[in-house]
């Protein structure tokens, strides 16, 4: 099984953004998924996990 490398940080700068959205991670089999509109199929995406705001 492949393990995904996680990089922690508190700031990110991105140029040439086509769109951005906020979604909830949901259960999918033994993993998880984030829904995205079909128009972005085949596009490169970055997933940013936010810390809980208590």
PDB file of N, CA and C in Angstrom:
ATOM      1  N   UNK A   1       0.838  -1.179   0.000  1.00  0.00           N
ATOM      2  CA  UNK A   1       0.000   0.000   0.000  1.00  0.00           C
ATOM      3  C   UNK A   1       0.884   1.244   0.000  1.00  0.00           C
ATOM      4  N   UNK A   2       0.479   2.245  -0.742  1.00  0.00           N
ATOM      5  CA  UNK A   2       1.214   3.500  -0.840  1.00  0.00           C
ATOM      6  C   UNK A   2       0.770   4.462   0.259  1.00  0.00           C
ATOM      7  N   UNK A   3       1.708   5.127   0.900  1.00  0.00           N
ATOM      8  CA  UNK A   3       1.390   6.103   1.939  1.00  0.00           C
ATOM      9  C   UNK A   3       1.570   7.507   1.377  1.00  0.00           C
ATOM     10  N   UNK A   4       0.592   8.367   1.603  1.00  0.00           N
ATOM     11  CA  UNK A   4       0.622   9.734   1.110  1.00  0.00           C
ATOM     12  C   UNK A   4       1.427  10.602   2.068  1.00  0.00           C
ATOM     13  N   UNK A   5       2.343  11.397   1.537  1.00  0.00           N
ATOM     14  CA  UNK A   5       3.122  12.317   2.354  1.00  0.00           C
ATOM     15  C   UNK A   5       2.263  13.536   2.698  1.00  0.00           C
ATOM     16  N   UNK A   6       2.231  13.902   3.961  1.00  0.00           N
ATOM     17  CA  UNK A   6       1.460  15.059   4.416  1.00  0.00           C
ATOM     18  C   UNK A   6       2.433  16.154   4.819  1.00  0.00           C
ATOM     19  N   UNK A   7       2.209  17.339   4.278  1.00  0.00           N
ATOM     20  CA  UNK A   7       3.047  18.491   4.618  1.00  0.00           C
ATOM     21  C   UNK A   7       2.214  19.455   5.456  1.00  0.00           C
ATOM     22  N   UNK A   8       2.730  19.827   6.616  1.00  0.00           N
ATOM     23  CA  UNK A   8       2.021  20.762   7.484  1.00  0.00           C
ATOM     24  C   UNK A   8       2.544  22.176   7.272  1.00  0.00           C
ATOM     25  N   UNK A   9       1.646  23.135   7.351  1.00  0.00           N
ATOM     26  CA  UNK A   9       2.028  24.532   7.212  1.00  0.00           C
ATOM     27  C   UNK A   9       0.861  25.410   7.614  1.00  0.00           C
ATOM     28  N   UNK A  10       1.064  26.705   7.612  1.00  0.00           N
ATOM     29  CA  UNK A  10      -0.019  27.606   7.995  1.00  0.00           C
ATOM     30  C   UNK A  10      -0.279  28.679   6.957  1.00  0.00           C
ATOM     31  N   UNK A  11       0.375  28.586   5.790  1.00  0.00           N
ATOM     32  CA  UNK A  11       0.154  29.579   4.750  1.00  0.00           C
ATOM     33  C   UNK A  11       0.423  28.941   3.390  1.00  0.00           C
ATOM     34  N   UNK A  12      -0.385  29.308   2.414  1.00  0.00           N
ATOM     35  CA  UNK A  12      -0.183  28.826   1.046  1.00  0.00           C
ATOM     36  C   UNK A  12      -0.550  29.950   0.083  1.00  0.00           C
ATOM     37  N   UNK A  13       0.230  30.086  -0.975  1.00  0.00           N
ATOM     38  CA  UNK A  13      -0.038  31.074  -2.009  1.00  0.00           C
ATOM     39  C   UNK A  13      -0.168  30.340  -3.334  1.00  0.00           C
ATOM     40  N   UNK A  14      -1.270  30.586  -4.043  1.00  0.00           N
ATOM     41  CA  UNK A  14      -1.526  29.903  -5.306  1.00  0.00           C
ATOM     42  C   UNK A  14      -1.888  30.934  -6.355  1.00  0.00           C
ATOM     43  N   UNK A  15      -1.284  30.808  -7.541  1.00  0.00           N
ATOM     44  CA  UNK A  15      -1.583  31.718  -8.646  1.00  0.00           C
ATOM     45  C   UNK A  15      -2.399  30.987  -9.706  1.00  0.00           C
ATOM     46  N   UNK A  16      -3.063  31.726 -10.569  1.00  0.00           N
ATOM     47  CA  UNK A  16      -3.849  31.186 -11.686  1.00  0.00           C
ATOM     48  C   UNK A  16      -4.944  30.231 -11.217  1.00  0.00           C
ATOM     49  N   UNK A  17      -5.711  30.633 -10.214  1.00  0.00           N
ATOM     50  CA  UNK A  17      -6.807  29.810  -9.695  1.00  0.00           C
ATOM     51  C   UNK A  17      -8.000  29.917 -10.638  1.00  0.00           C
ATOM     52  N   UNK A  18      -8.516  28.763 -11.059  1.00  0.00           N
ATOM     53  CA  UNK A  18      -9.720  28.752 -11.889  1.00  0.00           C
ATOM     54  C   UNK A  18     -10.961  28.808 -11.001  1.00  0.00           C
ATOM     55  N   UNK A  19     -10.922  28.108  -9.878  1.00  0.00           N
ATOM     56  CA  UNK A  19     -12.047  28.081  -8.944  1.00  0.00           C
ATOM     57  C   UNK A  19     -11.556  27.529  -7.620  1.00  0.00           C
ATOM     58  N   UNK A  20     -12.316  27.756  -6.576  1.00  0.00           N
ATOM     59  CA  UNK A  20     -12.051  27.081  -5.317  1.00  0.00           C
ATOM     60  C   UNK A  20     -13.381  26.831  -4.638  1.00  0.00           C
ATOM     61  N   UNK A  21     -13.435  25.823  -3.791  1.00  0.00           N
ATOM     62  CA  UNK A  21     -14.681  25.460  -3.130  1.00  0.00           C
ATOM     63  C   UNK A  21     -14.381  24.839  -1.779  1.00  0.00           C
ATOM     64  N   UNK A  22     -15.354  24.864  -0.904  1.00  0.00           N
ATOM     65  CA  UNK A  22     -15.219  24.224   0.393  1.00  0.00           C
ATOM     66  C   UNK A  22     -16.170  23.047   0.427  1.00  0.00           C
ATOM     67  N   UNK A  23     -15.652  21.870   0.725  1.00  0.00           N
ATOM     68  CA  UNK A  23     -16.445  20.644   0.754  1.00  0.00           C
ATOM     69  C   UNK A  23     -16.136  19.879   2.039  1.00  0.00           C
ATOM     70  N   UNK A  24     -17.010  18.938   2.378  1.00  0.00           N
ATOM     71  CA  UNK A  24     -16.806  18.073   3.528  1.00  0.00           C
ATOM     72  C   UNK A  24     -16.315  16.718   3.045  1.00  0.00           C
ATOM     73  N   UNK A  25     -15.321  16.177   3.717  1.00  0.00           N
ATOM     74  CA  UNK A  25     -14.804  14.854   3.391  1.00  0.00           C
ATOM     75  C   UNK A  25     -15.815  13.828   3.887  1.00  0.00           C
ATOM     76  N   UNK A  26     -16.191  12.876   3.014  1.00  0.00           N
ATOM     77  CA  UNK A  26     -17.170  11.856   3.372  1.00  0.00           C
ATOM     78  C   UNK A  26     -16.573  10.461   3.222  1.00  0.00           C
ATOM     79  N   UNK A  27     -17.163   9.500   3.918  1.00  0.00           N
ATOM     80  CA  UNK A  27     -16.688   8.124   3.883  1.00  0.00           C
ATOM     81  C   UNK A  27     -16.961   7.507   2.515  1.00  0.00           C
ATOM     82  N   UNK A  28     -16.006   6.699   2.023  1.00  0.00           N
ATOM     83  CA  UNK A  28     -16.144   6.023   0.742  1.00  0.00           C
ATOM     84  C   UNK A  28     -15.417   4.688   0.850  1.00  0.00           C
ATOM     85  N   UNK A  29     -16.159   3.608   1.085  1.00  0.00           N
ATOM     86  CA  UNK A  29     -15.534   2.298   1.284  1.00  0.00           C
ATOM     87  C   UNK A  29     -14.656   2.323   2.521  1.00  0.00           C
ATOM     88  N   UNK A  30     -13.386   1.941   2.361  1.00  0.00           N
ATOM     89  CA  UNK A  30     -12.466   1.959   3.499  1.00  0.00           C
ATOM     90  C   UNK A  30     -11.633   3.244   3.521  1.00  0.00           C
ATOM     91  N   UNK A  31     -12.001   4.221   2.670  1.00  0.00           N
ATOM     92  CA  UNK A  31     -11.272   5.490   2.604  1.00  0.00           C
ATOM     93  C   UNK A  31     -12.213   6.665   2.741  1.00  0.00           C
ATOM     94  N   UNK A  32     -11.882   7.740   2.060  1.00  0.00           N
ATOM     95  CA  UNK A  32     -12.685   8.953   2.102  1.00  0.00           C
ATOM     96  C   UNK A  32     -12.619   9.643   0.752  1.00  0.00           C
ATOM     97  N   UNK A  33     -13.555  10.571   0.504  1.00  0.00           N
ATOM     98  CA  UNK A  33     -13.573  11.298  -0.764  1.00  0.00           C
ATOM     99  C   UNK A  33     -14.082  12.712  -0.535  1.00  0.00           C
ATOM    100  N   UNK A  34     -13.824  13.569  -1.502  1.00  0.00           N
ATOM    101  CA  UNK A  34     -14.355  14.927  -1.522  1.00  0.00           C
ATOM    102  C   UNK A  34     -15.024  15.101  -2.875  1.00  0.00           C
ATOM    103  N   UNK A  35     -16.302  15.447  -2.889  1.00  0.00           N
ATOM    104  CA  UNK A  35     -17.021  15.639  -4.144  1.00  0.00           C
ATOM    105  C   UNK A  35     -16.568  16.898  -4.845  1.00  0.00           C
ATOM    106  N   UNK A  36     -16.572  16.841  -6.166  1.00  0.00           N
ATOM    107  CA  UNK A  36     -16.128  17.963  -6.993  1.00  0.00           C
ATOM    108  C   UNK A  36     -16.979  17.974  -8.262  1.00  0.00           C
ATOM    109  N   UNK A  37     -17.289  19.142  -8.826  1.00  0.00           N
ATOM    110  CA  UNK A  37     -18.060  19.192 -10.060  1.00  0.00           C
ATOM    111  C   UNK A  37     -17.362  18.459 -11.214  1.00  0.00           C
ATOM    112  N   UNK A  38     -18.157  17.869 -12.075  1.00  0.00           N
ATOM    113  CA  UNK A  38     -17.666  17.077 -13.209  1.00  0.00           C
ATOM    114  C   UNK A  38     -16.799  17.890 -14.162  1.00  0.00           C
ATOM    115  N   UNK A  39     -17.019  19.178 -14.230  1.00  0.00           N
ATOM    116  CA  UNK A  39     -16.251  20.032 -15.145  1.00  0.00           C
ATOM    117  C   UNK A  39     -14.756  20.035 -14.839  1.00  0.00           C
ATOM    118  N   UNK A  40     -14.367  19.577 -13.644  1.00  0.00           N
ATOM    119  CA  UNK A  40     -12.958  19.568 -13.259  1.00  0.00           C
ATOM    120  C   UNK A  40     -12.302  18.204 -13.430  1.00  0.00           C
ATOM    121  N   UNK A  41     -12.992  17.248 -14.055  1.00  0.00           N
ATOM    122  CA  UNK A  41     -12.390  15.938 -14.325  1.00  0.00           C
ATOM    123  C   UNK A  41     -11.105  16.107 -15.114  1.00  0.00           C
ATOM    124  N   UNK A  42     -10.057  15.430 -14.696  1.00  0.00           N
ATOM    125  CA  UNK A  42      -8.777  15.503 -15.387  1.00  0.00           C
ATOM    126  C   UNK A  42      -7.914  16.686 -14.998  1.00  0.00           C
ATOM    127  N   UNK A  43      -8.426  17.591 -14.190  1.00  0.00           N
ATOM    128  CA  UNK A  43      -7.646  18.754 -13.737  1.00  0.00           C
ATOM    129  C   UNK A  43      -6.836  18.385 -12.501  1.00  0.00           C
ATOM    130  N   UNK A  44      -5.729  19.073 -12.285  1.00  0.00           N
ATOM    131  CA  UNK A  44      -4.930  18.881 -11.073  1.00  0.00           C
ATOM    132  C   UNK A  44      -5.588  19.683  -9.953  1.00  0.00           C
ATOM    133  N   UNK A  45      -5.688  19.068  -8.772  1.00  0.00           N
ATOM    134  CA  UNK A  45      -6.328  19.729  -7.634  1.00  0.00           C
ATOM    135  C   UNK A  45      -5.453  19.578  -6.399  1.00  0.00           C
ATOM    136  N   UNK A  46      -5.581  20.500  -5.482  1.00  0.00           N
ATOM    137  CA  UNK A  46      -4.895  20.443  -4.202  1.00  0.00           C
ATOM    138  C   UNK A  46      -5.955  20.381  -3.119  1.00  0.00           C
ATOM    139  N   UNK A  47      -5.757  19.512  -2.159  1.00  0.00           N
ATOM    140  CA  UNK A  47      -6.679  19.375  -1.038  1.00  0.00           C
ATOM    141  C   UNK A  47      -6.000  19.937   0.201  1.00  0.00           C
ATOM    142  N   UNK A  48      -6.648  20.895   0.841  1.00  0.00           N
ATOM    143  CA  UNK A  48      -6.097  21.534   2.033  1.00  0.00           C
ATOM    144  C   UNK A  48      -7.007  21.168   3.206  1.00  0.00           C
ATOM    145  N   UNK A  49      -6.448  20.555   4.234  1.00  0.00           N
ATOM    146  CA  UNK A  49      -7.210  20.170   5.416  1.00  0.00           C
ATOM    147  C   UNK A  49      -7.064  21.266   6.467  1.00  0.00           C
ATOM    148  N   UNK A  50      -8.196  21.836   6.883  1.00  0.00           N
ATOM    149  CA  UNK A  50      -8.176  22.905   7.878  1.00  0.00           C
ATOM    150  C   UNK A  50      -8.210  22.329   9.285  1.00  0.00           C
ATOM    151  N   UNK A  51      -7.544  23.009  10.213  1.00  0.00           N
ATOM    152  CA  UNK A  51      -7.636  22.615  11.616  1.00  0.00           C
ATOM    153  C   UNK A  51      -9.024  22.951  12.119  1.00  0.00           C
ATOM    154  N   UNK A  52      -9.523  22.152  13.082  1.00  0.00           N
ATOM    155  CA  UNK A  52     -10.829  22.412  13.664  1.00  0.00           C
ATOM    156  C   UNK A  52     -10.809  23.761  14.385  1.00  0.00           C
ATOM    157  N   UNK A  53     -11.863  24.516  14.201  1.00  0.00           N
ATOM    158  CA  UNK A  53     -11.976  25.818  14.852  1.00  0.00           C
ATOM    159  C   UNK A  53     -12.899  25.672  16.055  1.00  0.00           C
ATOM    160  N   UNK A  54     -12.315  25.419  17.225  1.00  0.00           N
ATOM    161  CA  UNK A  54     -13.126  25.223  18.458  1.00  0.00           C
ATOM    162  C   UNK A  54     -13.277  26.506  19.211  1.00  0.00           C
TER     163      UNK A  54
END
